[in-house]
PDB file of N, CA and C in Angstrom:
ATOM      1  N   MET A   1      38.264 -27.385   3.158  1.00  0.00           N
ATOM      2  CA  MET A   1      36.979 -26.884   3.625  1.00  0.00           C
ATOM      3  C   MET A   1      37.104 -25.384   3.888  1.00  0.00           C
ATOM      4  N   LEU A   2      36.129 -24.643   3.413  1.00  0.00           N
ATOM      5  CA  LEU A   2      36.125 -23.196   3.645  1.00  0.00           C
ATOM      6  C   LEU A   2      35.628 -22.878   5.052  1.00  0.00           C
ATOM      7  N   SER A   3      36.150 -21.823   5.596  1.00  0.00           N
ATOM      8  CA  SER A   3      35.672 -21.357   6.897  1.00  0.00           C
ATOM      9  C   SER A   3      34.286 -20.743   6.723  1.00  0.00           C
ATOM     10  N   THR A   4      33.618 -20.516   7.821  1.00  0.00           N
ATOM     11  CA  THR A   4      32.306 -19.864   7.785  1.00  0.00           C
ATOM     12  C   THR A   4      32.412 -18.504   7.117  1.00  0.00           C
ATOM     13  N   LYS A   5      33.468 -17.758   7.436  1.00  0.00           N
ATOM     14  CA  LYS A   5      33.673 -16.445   6.833  1.00  0.00           C
ATOM     15  C   LYS A   5      33.876 -16.587   5.325  1.00  0.00           C
ATOM     16  N   GLY A   6      34.668 -17.555   4.916  1.00  0.00           N
ATOM     17  CA  GLY A   6      34.910 -17.789   3.496  1.00  0.00           C
ATOM     18  C   GLY A   6      33.636 -18.173   2.753  1.00  0.00           C
ATOM     19  N   LEU A   7      32.841 -19.031   3.373  1.00  0.00           N
ATOM     20  CA  LEU A   7      31.557 -19.421   2.776  1.00  0.00           C
ATOM     21  C   LEU A   7      30.638 -18.216   2.627  1.00  0.00           C
ATOM     22  N   ASN A   8      30.591 -17.378   3.651  1.00  0.00           N
ATOM     23  CA  ASN A   8      29.739 -16.191   3.591  1.00  0.00           C
ATOM     24  C   ASN A   8      30.205 -15.208   2.521  1.00  0.00           C
ATOM     25  N   LEU A   9      31.495 -15.027   2.378  1.00  0.00           N
ATOM     26  CA  LEU A   9      32.025 -14.147   1.340  1.00  0.00           C
ATOM     27  C   LEU A   9      31.689 -14.682  -0.049  1.00  0.00           C
ATOM     28  N   LEU A  10      31.810 -15.980  -0.225  1.00  0.00           N
ATOM     29  CA  LEU A  10      31.468 -16.598  -1.505  1.00  0.00           C
ATOM     30  C   LEU A  10      29.980 -16.455  -1.801  1.00  0.00           C
ATOM     31  N   ALA A  11      29.143 -16.687  -0.794  1.00  0.00           N
ATOM     32  CA  ALA A  11      27.697 -16.519  -0.968  1.00  0.00           C
ATOM     33  C   ALA A  11      27.349 -15.071  -1.300  1.00  0.00           C
ATOM     34  N   ASP A  12      28.018 -14.118  -0.656  1.00  0.00           N
ATOM     35  CA  ASP A  12      27.790 -12.697  -0.938  1.00  0.00           C
ATOM     36  C   ASP A  12      28.133 -12.366  -2.393  1.00  0.00           C
ATOM     37  N   ALA A  13      29.178 -12.978  -2.903  1.00  0.00           N
ATOM     38  CA  ALA A  13      29.592 -12.722  -4.285  1.00  0.00           C
ATOM     39  C   ALA A  13      28.653 -13.380  -5.292  1.00  0.00           C
ATOM     40  N   LEU A  14      28.180 -14.569  -4.973  1.00  0.00           N
ATOM     41  CA  LEU A  14      27.341 -15.315  -5.908  1.00  0.00           C
ATOM     42  C   LEU A  14      25.887 -14.867  -5.930  1.00  0.00           C
ATOM     43  N   ALA A  15      25.348 -14.470  -4.794  1.00  0.00           N
ATOM     44  CA  ALA A  15      23.913 -14.192  -4.686  1.00  0.00           C
ATOM     45  C   ALA A  15      23.411 -13.156  -5.694  1.00  0.00           C
ATOM     46  N   PRO A  16      24.058 -12.002  -5.866  1.00  0.00           N
ATOM     47  CA  PRO A  16      23.543 -11.035  -6.847  1.00  0.00           C
ATOM     48  C   PRO A  16      23.565 -11.567  -8.278  1.00  0.00           C
ATOM     49  N   LYS A  17      24.609 -12.303  -8.633  1.00  0.00           N
ATOM     50  CA  LYS A  17      24.707 -12.866  -9.978  1.00  0.00           C
ATOM     51  C   LYS A  17      23.609 -13.894 -10.220  1.00  0.00           C
ATOM     52  N   ILE A  18      23.369 -14.730  -9.233  1.00  0.00           N
ATOM     53  CA  ILE A  18      22.342 -15.760  -9.371  1.00  0.00           C
ATOM     54  C   ILE A  18      20.953 -15.128  -9.398  1.00  0.00           C
ATOM     55  N   ALA A  19      20.733 -14.110  -8.571  1.00  0.00           N
ATOM     56  CA  ALA A  19      19.441 -13.414  -8.585  1.00  0.00           C
ATOM     57  C   ALA A  19      19.181 -12.809  -9.962  1.00  0.00           C
ATOM     58  N   LYS A  20      20.199 -12.226 -10.567  1.00  0.00           N
ATOM     59  CA  LYS A  20      20.071 -11.628 -11.900  1.00  0.00           C
ATOM     60  C   LYS A  20      19.715 -12.706 -12.935  1.00  0.00           C
ATOM     61  N   GLN A  21      20.353 -13.873 -12.827  1.00  0.00           N
ATOM     62  CA  GLN A  21      20.066 -14.975 -13.752  1.00  0.00           C
ATOM     63  C   GLN A  21      18.638 -15.488 -13.569  1.00  0.00           C
ATOM     64  N   ILE A  22      18.189 -15.574 -12.327  1.00  0.00           N
ATOM     65  CA  ILE A  22      16.824 -16.021 -12.065  1.00  0.00           C
ATOM     66  C   ILE A  22      15.825 -15.032 -12.657  1.00  0.00           C
ATOM     67  N   MET A  23      16.058 -13.740 -12.443  1.00  0.00           N
ATOM     68  CA  MET A  23      15.136 -12.721 -12.952  1.00  0.00           C
ATOM     69  C   MET A  23      15.044 -12.738 -14.472  1.00  0.00           C
ATOM     70  N   SER A  24      16.095 -13.167 -15.142  1.00  0.00           N
ATOM     71  CA  SER A  24      16.066 -13.186 -16.601  1.00  0.00           C
ATOM     72  C   SER A  24      15.685 -14.554 -17.159  1.00  0.00           C
ATOM     73  N   SER A  25      15.416 -15.505 -16.286  1.00  0.00           N
ATOM     74  CA  SER A  25      15.069 -16.842 -16.769  1.00  0.00           C
ATOM     75  C   SER A  25      13.614 -16.894 -17.230  1.00  0.00           C
ATOM     76  N   GLU A  26      13.417 -17.546 -18.343  1.00  0.00           N
ATOM     77  CA  GLU A  26      12.082 -17.684 -18.915  1.00  0.00           C
ATOM     78  C   GLU A  26      11.142 -18.424 -17.962  1.00  0.00           C
ATOM     79  N   GLU A  27      11.656 -19.425 -17.277  1.00  0.00           N
ATOM     80  CA  GLU A  27      10.826 -20.207 -16.348  1.00  0.00           C
ATOM     81  C   GLU A  27      10.308 -19.336 -15.208  1.00  0.00           C
ATOM     82  N   PHE A  28      11.157 -18.467 -14.668  1.00  0.00           N
ATOM     83  CA  PHE A  28      10.743 -17.601 -13.572  1.00  0.00           C
ATOM     84  C   PHE A  28       9.650 -16.644 -14.028  1.00  0.00           C
ATOM     85  N   ILE A  29       9.829 -16.052 -15.197  1.00  0.00           N
ATOM     86  CA  ILE A  29       8.840 -15.128 -15.742  1.00  0.00           C
ATOM     87  C   ILE A  29       7.520 -15.859 -15.994  1.00  0.00           C
ATOM     88  N   GLU A  30       7.592 -17.082 -16.495  1.00  0.00           N
ATOM     89  CA  GLU A  30       6.368 -17.860 -16.730  1.00  0.00           C
ATOM     90  C   GLU A  30       5.616 -18.128 -15.434  1.00  0.00           C
ATOM     91  N   VAL A  31       6.350 -18.454 -14.380  1.00  0.00           N
ATOM     92  CA  VAL A  31       5.707 -18.686 -13.077  1.00  0.00           C
ATOM     93  C   VAL A  31       5.001 -17.417 -12.607  1.00  0.00           C
ATOM     94  N   LEU A  32       5.681 -16.275 -12.722  1.00  0.00           N
ATOM     95  CA  LEU A  32       5.060 -15.012 -12.316  1.00  0.00           C
ATOM     96  C   LEU A  32       3.818 -14.728 -13.153  1.00  0.00           C
ATOM     97  N   MET A  33       3.904 -14.988 -14.459  1.00  0.00           N
ATOM     98  CA  MET A  33       2.771 -14.720 -15.341  1.00  0.00           C
ATOM     99  C   MET A  33       1.578 -15.625 -15.023  1.00  0.00           C
ATOM    100  N   GLU A  34       1.854 -16.800 -14.499  1.00  0.00           N
ATOM    101  CA  GLU A  34       0.775 -17.700 -14.086  1.00  0.00           C
ATOM    102  C   GLU A  34       0.174 -17.273 -12.749  1.00  0.00           C
ATOM    103  N   LEU A  35       1.001 -16.809 -11.835  1.00  0.00           N
ATOM    104  CA  LEU A  35       0.542 -16.488 -10.479  1.00  0.00           C
ATOM    105  C   LEU A  35      -0.118 -15.123 -10.350  1.00  0.00           C
ATOM    106  N   ILE A  36       0.433 -14.130 -11.001  1.00  0.00           N
ATOM    107  CA  ILE A  36       0.001 -12.747 -10.774  1.00  0.00           C
ATOM    108  C   ILE A  36      -1.475 -12.520 -11.067  1.00  0.00           C
ATOM    109  N   PRO A  37      -2.031 -12.982 -12.196  1.00  0.00           N
ATOM    110  CA  PRO A  37      -3.459 -12.714 -12.429  1.00  0.00           C
ATOM    111  C   PRO A  37      -4.365 -13.234 -11.312  1.00  0.00           C
ATOM    112  N   GLY A  38      -4.079 -14.410 -10.797  1.00  0.00           N
ATOM    113  CA  GLY A  38      -4.874 -14.948  -9.698  1.00  0.00           C
ATOM    114  C   GLY A  38      -4.731 -14.145  -8.429  1.00  0.00           C
ATOM    115  N   LEU A  39      -3.527 -13.651  -8.180  1.00  0.00           N
ATOM    116  CA  LEU A  39      -3.298 -12.833  -6.994  1.00  0.00           C
ATOM    117  C   LEU A  39      -3.965 -11.471  -7.123  1.00  0.00           C
ATOM    118  N   VAL A  40      -3.970 -10.918  -8.341  1.00  0.00           N
ATOM    119  CA  VAL A  40      -4.691  -9.657  -8.582  1.00  0.00           C
ATOM    120  C   VAL A  40      -6.177  -9.875  -8.324  1.00  0.00           C
ATOM    121  N   ASP A  41      -6.725 -10.990  -8.830  1.00  0.00           N
ATOM    122  CA  ASP A  41      -8.132 -11.316  -8.577  1.00  0.00           C
ATOM    123  C   ASP A  41      -8.422 -11.419  -7.081  1.00  0.00           C
ATOM    124  N   ALA A  42      -7.523 -12.074  -6.365  1.00  0.00           N
ATOM    125  CA  ALA A  42      -7.724 -12.261  -4.925  1.00  0.00           C
ATOM    126  C   ALA A  42      -7.755 -10.923  -4.188  1.00  0.00           C
ATOM    127  N   GLU A  43      -6.972  -9.967  -4.660  1.00  0.00           N
ATOM    128  CA  GLU A  43      -6.921  -8.660  -4.018  1.00  0.00           C
ATOM    129  C   GLU A  43      -8.083  -7.759  -4.419  1.00  0.00           C
ATOM    130  N   LEU A  44      -8.473  -7.801  -5.691  1.00  0.00           N
ATOM    131  CA  LEU A  44      -9.457  -6.838  -6.200  1.00  0.00           C
ATOM    132  C   LEU A  44     -10.820  -7.438  -6.504  1.00  0.00           C
ATOM    133  N   GLY A  45     -10.896  -8.747  -6.576  1.00  0.00           N
ATOM    134  CA  GLY A  45     -12.128  -9.370  -7.035  1.00  0.00           C
ATOM    135  C   GLY A  45     -12.221  -9.237  -8.550  1.00  0.00           C
ATOM    136  N   GLU A  46     -13.360  -9.582  -9.078  1.00  0.00           N
ATOM    137  CA  GLU A  46     -13.532  -9.501 -10.526  1.00  0.00           C
ATOM    138  C   GLU A  46     -13.509  -8.052 -10.978  1.00  0.00           C
ATOM    139  N   CYS A  47     -12.842  -7.818 -12.111  1.00  0.00           N
ATOM    140  CA  CYS A  47     -12.815  -6.484 -12.688  1.00  0.00           C
ATOM    141  C   CYS A  47     -12.777  -6.609 -14.210  1.00  0.00           C
ATOM    142  N   ASP A  48     -12.879  -5.511 -14.870  1.00  0.00           N
ATOM    143  CA  ASP A  48     -12.853  -5.455 -16.318  1.00  0.00           C
ATOM    144  C   ASP A  48     -11.635  -6.212 -16.864  1.00  0.00           C
ATOM    145  N   CYS A  49     -11.826  -6.991 -17.916  1.00  0.00           N
ATOM    146  CA  CYS A  49     -10.750  -7.823 -18.478  1.00  0.00           C
ATOM    147  C   CYS A  49      -9.536  -6.993 -18.897  1.00  0.00           C
ATOM    148  N   ASP A  50      -9.770  -5.858 -19.549  1.00  0.00           N
ATOM    149  CA  ASP A  50      -8.653  -5.017 -19.975  1.00  0.00           C
ATOM    150  C   ASP A  50      -7.897  -4.463 -18.775  1.00  0.00           C
ATOM    151  N   LEU A  51      -8.634  -4.020 -17.768  1.00  0.00           N
ATOM    152  CA  LEU A  51      -8.010  -3.513 -16.553  1.00  0.00           C
ATOM    153  C   LEU A  51      -7.191  -4.615 -15.884  1.00  0.00           C
ATOM    154  N   HIS A  52      -7.772  -5.795 -15.801  1.00  0.00           N
ATOM    155  CA  HIS A  52      -7.110  -6.930 -15.174  1.00  0.00           C
ATOM    156  C   HIS A  52      -5.806  -7.263 -15.902  1.00  0.00           C
ATOM    157  N   TYR A  53      -5.850  -7.310 -17.215  1.00  0.00           N
ATOM    158  CA  TYR A  53      -4.673  -7.619 -18.024  1.00  0.00           C
ATOM    159  C   TYR A  53      -3.595  -6.545 -17.831  1.00  0.00           C
ATOM    160  N   ASP A  54      -3.997  -5.282 -17.952  1.00  0.00           N
ATOM    161  CA  ASP A  54      -3.043  -4.179 -17.808  1.00  0.00           C
ATOM    162  C   ASP A  54      -2.429  -4.160 -16.413  1.00  0.00           C
ATOM    163  N   LEU A  55      -3.258  -4.322 -15.403  1.00  0.00           N
ATOM    164  CA  LEU A  55      -2.776  -4.287 -14.026  1.00  0.00           C
ATOM    165  C   LEU A  55      -1.828  -5.457 -13.746  1.00  0.00           C
ATOM    166  N   SER A  56      -2.170  -6.630 -14.234  1.00  0.00           N
ATOM    167  CA  SER A  56      -1.296  -7.797 -14.046  1.00  0.00           C
ATOM    168  C   SER A  56       0.072  -7.556 -14.678  1.00  0.00           C
ATOM    169  N   ASN A  57       0.102  -6.993 -15.876  1.00  0.00           N
ATOM    170  CA  ASN A  57       1.375  -6.705 -16.535  1.00  0.00           C
ATOM    171  C   ASN A  57       2.180  -5.650 -15.784  1.00  0.00           C
ATOM    172  N   LEU A  58       1.506  -4.625 -15.270  1.00  0.00           N
ATOM    173  CA  LEU A  58       2.200  -3.585 -14.522  1.00  0.00           C
ATOM    174  C   LEU A  58       2.772  -4.121 -13.208  1.00  0.00           C
ATOM    175  N   VAL A  59       2.029  -5.012 -12.567  1.00  0.00           N
ATOM    176  CA  VAL A  59       2.541  -5.640 -11.344  1.00  0.00           C
ATOM    177  C   VAL A  59       3.776  -6.472 -11.681  1.00  0.00           C
ATOM    178  N   LEU A  60       3.718  -7.244 -12.757  1.00  0.00           N
ATOM    179  CA  LEU A  60       4.856  -8.059 -13.180  1.00  0.00           C
ATOM    180  C   LEU A  60       6.098  -7.202 -13.399  1.00  0.00           C
ATOM    181  N   GLU A  61       5.937  -6.055 -14.029  1.00  0.00           N
ATOM    182  CA  GLU A  61       7.067  -5.161 -14.295  1.00  0.00           C
ATOM    183  C   GLU A  61       7.709  -4.634 -13.023  1.00  0.00           C
ATOM    184  N   ARG A  62       6.947  -4.592 -11.929  1.00  0.00           N
ATOM    185  CA  ARG A  62       7.460  -4.010 -10.689  1.00  0.00           C
ATOM    186  C   ARG A  62       8.112  -5.033  -9.758  1.00  0.00           C
ATOM    187  N   ILE A  63       7.947  -6.293 -10.068  1.00  0.00           N
ATOM    188  CA  ILE A  63       8.493  -7.333  -9.193  1.00  0.00           C
ATOM    189  C   ILE A  63       9.971  -7.546  -9.508  1.00  0.00           C
ATOM    190  N   THR A  64      10.776  -7.529  -8.467  1.00  0.00           N
ATOM    191  CA  THR A  64      12.202  -7.792  -8.612  1.00  0.00           C
ATOM    192  C   THR A  64      12.630  -8.832  -7.583  1.00  0.00           C
ATOM    193  N   LEU A  65      13.684  -9.492  -7.895  1.00  0.00           N
ATOM    194  CA  LEU A  65      14.281 -10.446  -6.983  1.00  0.00           C
ATOM    195  C   LEU A  65      15.554  -9.816  -6.474  1.00  0.00           C
ATOM    196  N   GLY A  66      15.621  -9.576  -5.191  1.00  0.00           N
ATOM    197  CA  GLY A  66      16.779  -8.898  -4.628  1.00  0.00           C
ATOM    198  C   GLY A  66      17.539  -9.807  -3.678  1.00  0.00           C
ATOM    199  N   VAL A  67      18.647  -9.295  -3.254  1.00  0.00           N
ATOM    200  CA  VAL A  67      19.515 -10.022  -2.339  1.00  0.00           C
ATOM    201  C   VAL A  67      19.657  -9.185  -1.078  1.00  0.00           C
ATOM    202  N   ASP A  68      19.388  -9.807   0.059  1.00  0.00           N
ATOM    203  CA  ASP A  68      19.572  -9.112   1.332  1.00  0.00           C
ATOM    204  C   ASP A  68      21.057  -8.910   1.596  1.00  0.00           C
ATOM    205  N   LYS A  69      21.355  -7.770   2.181  1.00  0.00           N
ATOM    206  CA  LYS A  69      22.736  -7.505   2.575  1.00  0.00           C
ATOM    207  C   LYS A  69      23.057  -8.392   3.779  1.00  0.00           C
ATOM    208  N   PRO A  70      24.246  -8.935   3.806  1.00  0.00           N
ATOM    209  CA  PRO A  70      24.622  -9.791   4.941  1.00  0.00           C
ATOM    210  C   PRO A  70      24.604  -8.997   6.241  1.00  0.00           C
ATOM    211  N   GLN A  71      24.207  -9.672   7.287  1.00  0.00           N
ATOM    212  CA  GLN A  71      24.184  -9.023   8.608  1.00  0.00           C
ATOM    213  C   GLN A  71      25.515  -9.263   9.302  1.00  0.00           C
ATOM    214  N   GLY A  72      25.956  -8.252   9.971  1.00  0.00           N
ATOM    215  CA  GLY A  72      27.163  -8.433  10.775  1.00  0.00           C
ATOM    216  C   GLY A  72      28.384  -7.862  10.201  1.00  0.00           C
TER     217      GLY A  72
END
């Protein structure tokens, strides 16, 4: 059994690699592509279709999955 410190060190090593894999996964991108247009609508209301499409894509490009630095 690993100690708490050992578990935390292992989690620190794995988290960035796993986050990178999630960000490059097709399923994750598909979920974002499904969610973002509705969230843009919720924030801005109805807008021009081209604007909506462009804005949704630009928002998608700016979203990243990061890893918090361990505390302590």
